[in-house]
Amino acid sequence: MKQVTIDPSFWELFPDAQINILFANGINNHDNSENYDERKKLLADATHEADKFLTNETFRLNPVVDQWRKAFQQFKKKKGARSSIEALLKRANQGRSFEPIEPLVDVYNSISLSYGVPVGIEDRNKITGDLHLGVAKGGESFRPVGADDDEPALSGEVIYYDNDGAVCRCLNWREAQRTMLTEDSENVVAVMEAVNPEQIERANEAMEELSKLINHYFGVNASTIYHLTKDNPSAEVPAELQ
């Protein structure tokens, strides 16, 4: 994978959106006891931070949830599909805790909760060709995490995809088994979505913090942060990271 491109079909739906991109190499994503307690506290602190996005007793009326539900009404989707940030906020709203899973997953879940933004990270070594975000033609192959059967994308659905099919369906709702992070993932791409100015401001802060946490937990320097818009719709993996 050498490039991330946001297709014109996406901008037709969300002309004012911004997709933030970050690349990193040399990640050691194996779970370890050395920083387990630190990661547990990171997640607990992030869950507390998420309270600021949960000010309405009616969950669906909280602005972050409402904005993403309206965004998901703009395209074809599988029944029940919701933004990844809604799923995390729902758990926080129910008083459920987040236990450490894998270091990089813990880091990006903490960022998502703290800043109220959808975050996804994929294994670049498993992406065939370049990564795109756009509207599906329909039938793009997709086997979700934990599933045995193919669940192809719907025509009109917004998906991340590569040469072999969908990588993530309904924006950042559900990712494919074949490109997901594992403990052996080393070279990654992070994506962060925002569809209005207030979300963009939070996403920019969130991506800066993600870069800092990647350096802290993995001892590597992430790439420049790329802010993709309809006027600047692609980002190349820096030569030193290819």
Protein backbone atom coordinates (compact mmCIF):
# COMPACT_ATOMS: atom_id res chain seq x y z
CA MET A 1 0.00 0.00 0.00
CA LYS A 2 1.42 3.34 -1.08
CA GLN A 3 -1.52 5.74 -0.94
CA VAL A 4 -4.87 6.58 0.62
CA THR A 5 -7.40 8.19 -1.72
CA ILE A 6 -10.86 9.55 -0.94
CA ASP A 7 -13.02 9.08 -4.04
CA PRO A 8 -15.17 11.83 -5.61
CA SER A 9 -18.26 9.77 -4.70
CA PHE A 10 -17.54 10.35 -1.01
CA TRP A 11 -17.23 14.12 -1.40
CA GLU A 12 -20.55 14.21 -3.25
CA LEU A 13 -22.17 12.95 -0.03
CA PHE A 14 -19.97 14.85 2.44
CA PRO A 15 -18.44 17.88 0.72
CA ASP A 16 -17.34 19.50 3.98
CA ALA A 17 -15.85 16.39 5.57
CA GLN A 18 -12.23 15.82 6.49
CA ILE A 19 -10.45 12.48 6.79
CA ASN A 20 -7.26 12.51 8.87
CA ILE A 21 -4.57 9.98 8.00
CA LEU A 22 -1.47 8.85 9.89
CA PHE A 23 1.10 6.19 9.02
CA ALA A 24 3.44 4.38 11.41
CA ASN A 25 5.98 1.59 11.10
CA GLY A 26 7.73 -0.63 13.63
CA ILE A 27 4.78 -1.16 15.99
CA ASN A 28 5.10 -3.97 18.54
CA ASN A 29 1.45 -4.77 19.22
CA HIS A 30 2.00 -7.81 21.41
CA ASP A 31 0.17 -7.62 24.71
CA ASN A 32 2.49 -7.30 27.67
CA SER A 33 2.29 -6.98 31.43
CA GLU A 34 4.89 -4.21 31.50
CA ASN A 35 2.41 -1.44 30.68
CA TYR A 36 -0.87 -3.29 31.29
CA ASP A 37 -1.79 -1.20 34.34
CA GLU A 38 -0.89 2.00 32.51
CA ARG A 39 -3.13 1.06 29.58
CA LYS A 40 -5.94 0.14 31.95
CA LYS A 41 -5.71 3.60 33.51
CA LEU A 42 -5.54 5.18 30.05
CA LEU A 43 -8.85 3.54 29.15
CA ALA A 44 -10.44 4.40 32.49
CA ASP A 45 -9.44 8.05 32.14
CA ALA A 46 -10.75 8.12 28.57
CA THR A 47 -14.07 6.63 29.69
CA HIS A 48 -14.35 9.43 32.24
CA GLU A 49 -13.52 11.99 29.55
CA ALA A 50 -16.32 10.59 27.40
CA ASP A 51 -18.84 11.89 29.96
CA LYS A 52 -18.64 15.30 28.31
CA PHE A 53 -20.25 13.81 25.20
CA LEU A 54 -23.05 12.19 27.22
CA THR A 55 -24.94 15.15 28.69
CA ASN A 56 -28.43 14.15 27.52
CA GLU A 57 -30.21 11.35 29.34
CA THR A 58 -31.66 10.21 26.00
CA PHE A 59 -28.59 8.59 24.44
CA ARG A 60 -29.51 9.19 20.80
CA LEU A 61 -29.93 12.94 21.42
CA ASN A 62 -26.34 13.49 22.48
CA PRO A 63 -24.77 15.60 19.69
CA VAL A 64 -21.98 13.18 18.75
CA VAL A 65 -24.45 10.30 18.44
CA ASP A 66 -27.08 12.39 16.65
CA GLN A 67 -24.62 13.85 14.14
CA TRP A 68 -23.27 10.45 13.13
CA ARG A 69 -26.73 8.89 12.88
CA LYS A 70 -27.70 11.68 10.48
CA ALA A 71 -24.50 11.15 8.52
CA PHE A 72 -25.29 7.44 8.20
CA GLN A 73 -28.69 8.36 6.74
CA GLN A 74 -26.89 9.77 3.71
CA PHE A 75 -25.95 6.35 2.28
CA LYS A 76 -27.11 2.77 1.98
CA LYS A 77 -26.21 0.70 5.02
CA LYS A 78 -26.81 -2.63 6.65
CA LYS A 79 -29.57 -2.53 9.26
CA GLY A 80 -28.20 -1.58 12.65
CA ALA A 81 -24.95 -0.10 11.34
CA ARG A 82 -23.69 2.71 13.56
CA SER A 83 -20.53 4.77 13.75
CA SER A 84 -17.76 3.20 15.82
CA ILE A 85 -17.78 6.15 18.20
CA GLU A 86 -21.44 5.51 19.00
CA ALA A 87 -20.64 1.92 20.00
CA LEU A 88 -17.90 3.09 22.37
CA LEU A 89 -20.00 5.87 23.87
CA LYS A 90 -22.87 3.45 24.39
CA ARG A 91 -20.65 1.20 26.50
CA ALA A 92 -19.44 4.19 28.48
CA ASN A 93 -23.02 5.40 28.94
CA GLN A 94 -23.97 1.99 30.33
CA GLY A 95 -21.21 2.23 32.93
CA ARG A 96 -19.18 -0.58 31.39
CA SER A 97 -15.41 -0.55 31.70
CA PHE A 98 -12.85 -1.12 28.96
CA GLU A 99 -10.21 -3.73 29.67
CA PRO A 100 -6.86 -3.73 27.81
CA ILE A 101 -6.90 -5.85 24.63
CA GLU A 102 -3.80 -5.06 22.59
CA PRO A 103 -1.60 -1.99 23.03
CA LEU A 104 -2.51 -0.21 19.78
CA VAL A 105 -6.21 -1.05 20.10
CA ASP A 106 -6.18 0.33 23.63
CA VAL A 107 -4.48 3.51 22.45
CA TYR A 108 -6.92 4.25 19.67
CA ASN A 109 -9.98 3.35 21.75
CA SER A 110 -8.78 5.80 24.39
CA ILE A 111 -8.39 8.52 21.76
CA SER A 112 -11.84 7.82 20.34
CA LEU A 113 -13.49 8.06 23.77
CA SER A 114 -11.55 11.13 24.88
CA TYR A 115 -12.25 13.17 21.76
CA GLY A 116 -15.58 11.74 20.60
CA VAL A 117 -14.29 10.79 17.15
CA PRO A 118 -14.34 7.58 15.09
CA VAL A 119 -10.87 6.06 14.80
CA GLY A 120 -9.75 3.03 12.82
CA ILE A 121 -6.34 1.45 12.32
CA GLU A 122 -5.54 -1.19 9.71
CA ASP A 123 -2.51 -3.37 8.99
CA ARG A 124 -0.92 -1.83 5.88
CA ASN A 125 0.92 -5.03 5.03
CA LYS A 126 -2.45 -6.74 4.47
CA ILE A 127 -3.92 -4.10 2.16
CA THR A 128 -3.73 -5.00 -1.52
CA GLY A 129 -2.95 -2.03 -3.72
CA ASP A 130 -4.01 1.33 -2.35
CA LEU A 131 -6.66 2.15 0.24
CA HIS A 132 -9.77 4.04 -0.93
CA LEU A 133 -12.82 5.51 0.77
CA GLY A 134 -15.85 5.82 -1.48
CA VAL A 135 -19.29 4.60 -2.43
CA ALA A 136 -19.54 0.86 -3.11
CA LYS A 137 -20.67 -0.48 -6.45
CA GLY A 138 -22.08 -3.44 -4.55
CA GLY A 139 -20.75 -6.95 -4.15
CA GLU A 140 -17.30 -6.01 -2.87
CA SER A 141 -16.08 -9.01 -0.89
CA PHE A 142 -16.07 -8.58 2.88
CA ARG A 143 -15.69 -11.07 5.72
CA PRO A 144 -16.19 -9.28 9.03
CA VAL A 145 -14.08 -9.98 12.08
CA GLY A 146 -15.18 -13.24 13.68
CA ALA A 147 -17.38 -14.36 10.77
CA ASP A 148 -16.99 -17.42 8.53
CA ASP A 149 -18.98 -16.20 5.52
CA ASP A 150 -18.60 -13.41 3.02
CA GLU A 151 -20.94 -10.44 3.59
CA PRO A 152 -20.49 -8.30 0.46
CA ALA A 153 -20.95 -4.55 0.53
CA LEU A 154 -24.23 -3.04 -0.61
CA SER A 155 -24.56 -0.81 -3.65
CA GLY A 156 -24.45 2.78 -2.40
CA GLU A 157 -22.75 1.94 0.90
CA VAL A 158 -19.74 4.04 1.97
CA ILE A 159 -16.75 1.73 2.40
CA TYR A 160 -12.99 1.65 2.72
CA TYR A 161 -11.71 -0.75 0.06
CA ASP A 162 -8.64 -2.06 -1.74
CA ASN A 163 -8.05 -4.31 -4.76
CA ASP A 164 -9.43 -7.37 -2.95
CA GLY A 165 -12.65 -5.91 -1.61
CA ALA A 166 -14.00 -3.94 1.33
CA VAL A 167 -11.66 -3.18 4.23
CA CYS A 168 -14.24 -1.49 6.44
CA ARG A 169 -17.99 -1.15 5.85
CA CYS A 170 -20.26 1.83 6.56
CA LEU A 171 -17.34 4.17 7.11
CA ASN A 172 -15.73 2.88 10.32
CA TRP A 173 -18.55 0.58 11.45
CA ARG A 174 -17.09 -2.88 10.94
CA GLU A 175 -13.70 -4.01 9.68
CA ALA A 176 -12.59 -6.99 7.63
CA GLN A 177 -10.85 -9.99 9.15
CA ARG A 178 -8.13 -9.91 6.50
CA THR A 179 -6.83 -6.40 7.24
CA MET A 180 -7.54 -6.07 10.96
CA LEU A 181 -4.86 -5.36 13.52
CA THR A 182 -3.34 -8.39 15.20
CA GLU A 183 -0.54 -8.72 17.73
CA ASP A 184 1.83 -9.24 14.78
CA SER A 185 0.87 -6.01 12.98
CA GLU A 186 3.87 -3.71 12.54
CA ASN A 187 3.11 -1.21 9.77
CA VAL A 188 -0.24 0.55 10.08
CA VAL A 189 -2.50 3.28 8.75
CA ALA A 190 -4.81 5.24 11.05
CA VAL A 191 -7.96 6.96 9.80
CA MET A 192 -10.15 9.47 11.60
CA GLU A 193 -13.42 10.84 10.20
CA ALA A 194 -15.13 14.21 10.71
CA VAL A 195 -18.10 15.66 8.84
CA ASN A 196 -18.51 19.17 10.28
CA PRO A 197 -16.24 21.98 11.58
CA GLU A 198 -16.66 21.11 15.26
CA GLN A 199 -15.81 17.46 14.62
CA ILE A 200 -12.83 18.50 12.48
CA GLU A 201 -11.41 20.57 15.33
CA ARG A 202 -11.67 17.64 17.74
CA ALA A 203 -10.29 15.20 15.17
CA ASN A 204 -7.23 17.38 14.57
CA GLU A 205 -6.48 17.46 18.30
CA ALA A 206 -7.17 13.74 18.55
CA MET A 207 -4.77 12.82 15.76
CA GLU A 208 -1.99 14.89 17.33
CA GLU A 209 -2.55 13.03 20.61
CA LEU A 210 -2.62 9.67 18.82
CA SER A 211 0.77 10.45 17.30
CA LYS A 212 2.16 11.26 20.77
CA LEU A 213 0.77 8.05 22.29
CA ILE A 214 2.20 5.94 19.45
CA ASN A 215 5.61 7.41 20.25
CA HIS A 216 5.11 6.85 23.99
CA TYR A 217 3.92 3.25 23.83
CA PHE A 218 5.88 1.96 20.83
CA GLY A 219 8.95 4.18 20.64
CA VAL A 220 8.37 5.08 16.99
CA ASN A 221 7.70 8.38 15.28
CA ALA A 222 4.52 8.43 13.22
CA SER A 223 4.33 10.22 9.90
CA THR A 224 3.07 13.71 9.26
CA ILE A 225 -0.68 13.98 9.81
CA TYR A 226 -2.57 14.32 6.53
CA HIS A 227 -5.88 16.21 6.42
CA LEU A 228 -7.76 14.98 3.36
CA THR A 229 -10.49 17.17 1.87
CA LYS A 230 -12.27 17.38 -1.47
CA ASP A 231 -9.51 19.73 -2.64
CA ASN A 232 -6.73 17.50 -1.28
CA PRO A 233 -8.12 13.95 -1.47
CA SER A 234 -5.04 11.71 -1.23
CA ALA A 235 -2.00 11.01 0.89
CA GLU A 236 1.06 8.99 -0.04
CA VAL A 237 2.92 6.83 2.43
CA PRO A 238 6.25 8.64 2.98
CA ALA A 239 9.11 7.04 1.08
CA GLU A 240 10.93 6.15 4.29
CA LEU A 241 7.90 4.14 5.47
CA GLN A 242 7.21 2.26 2.23
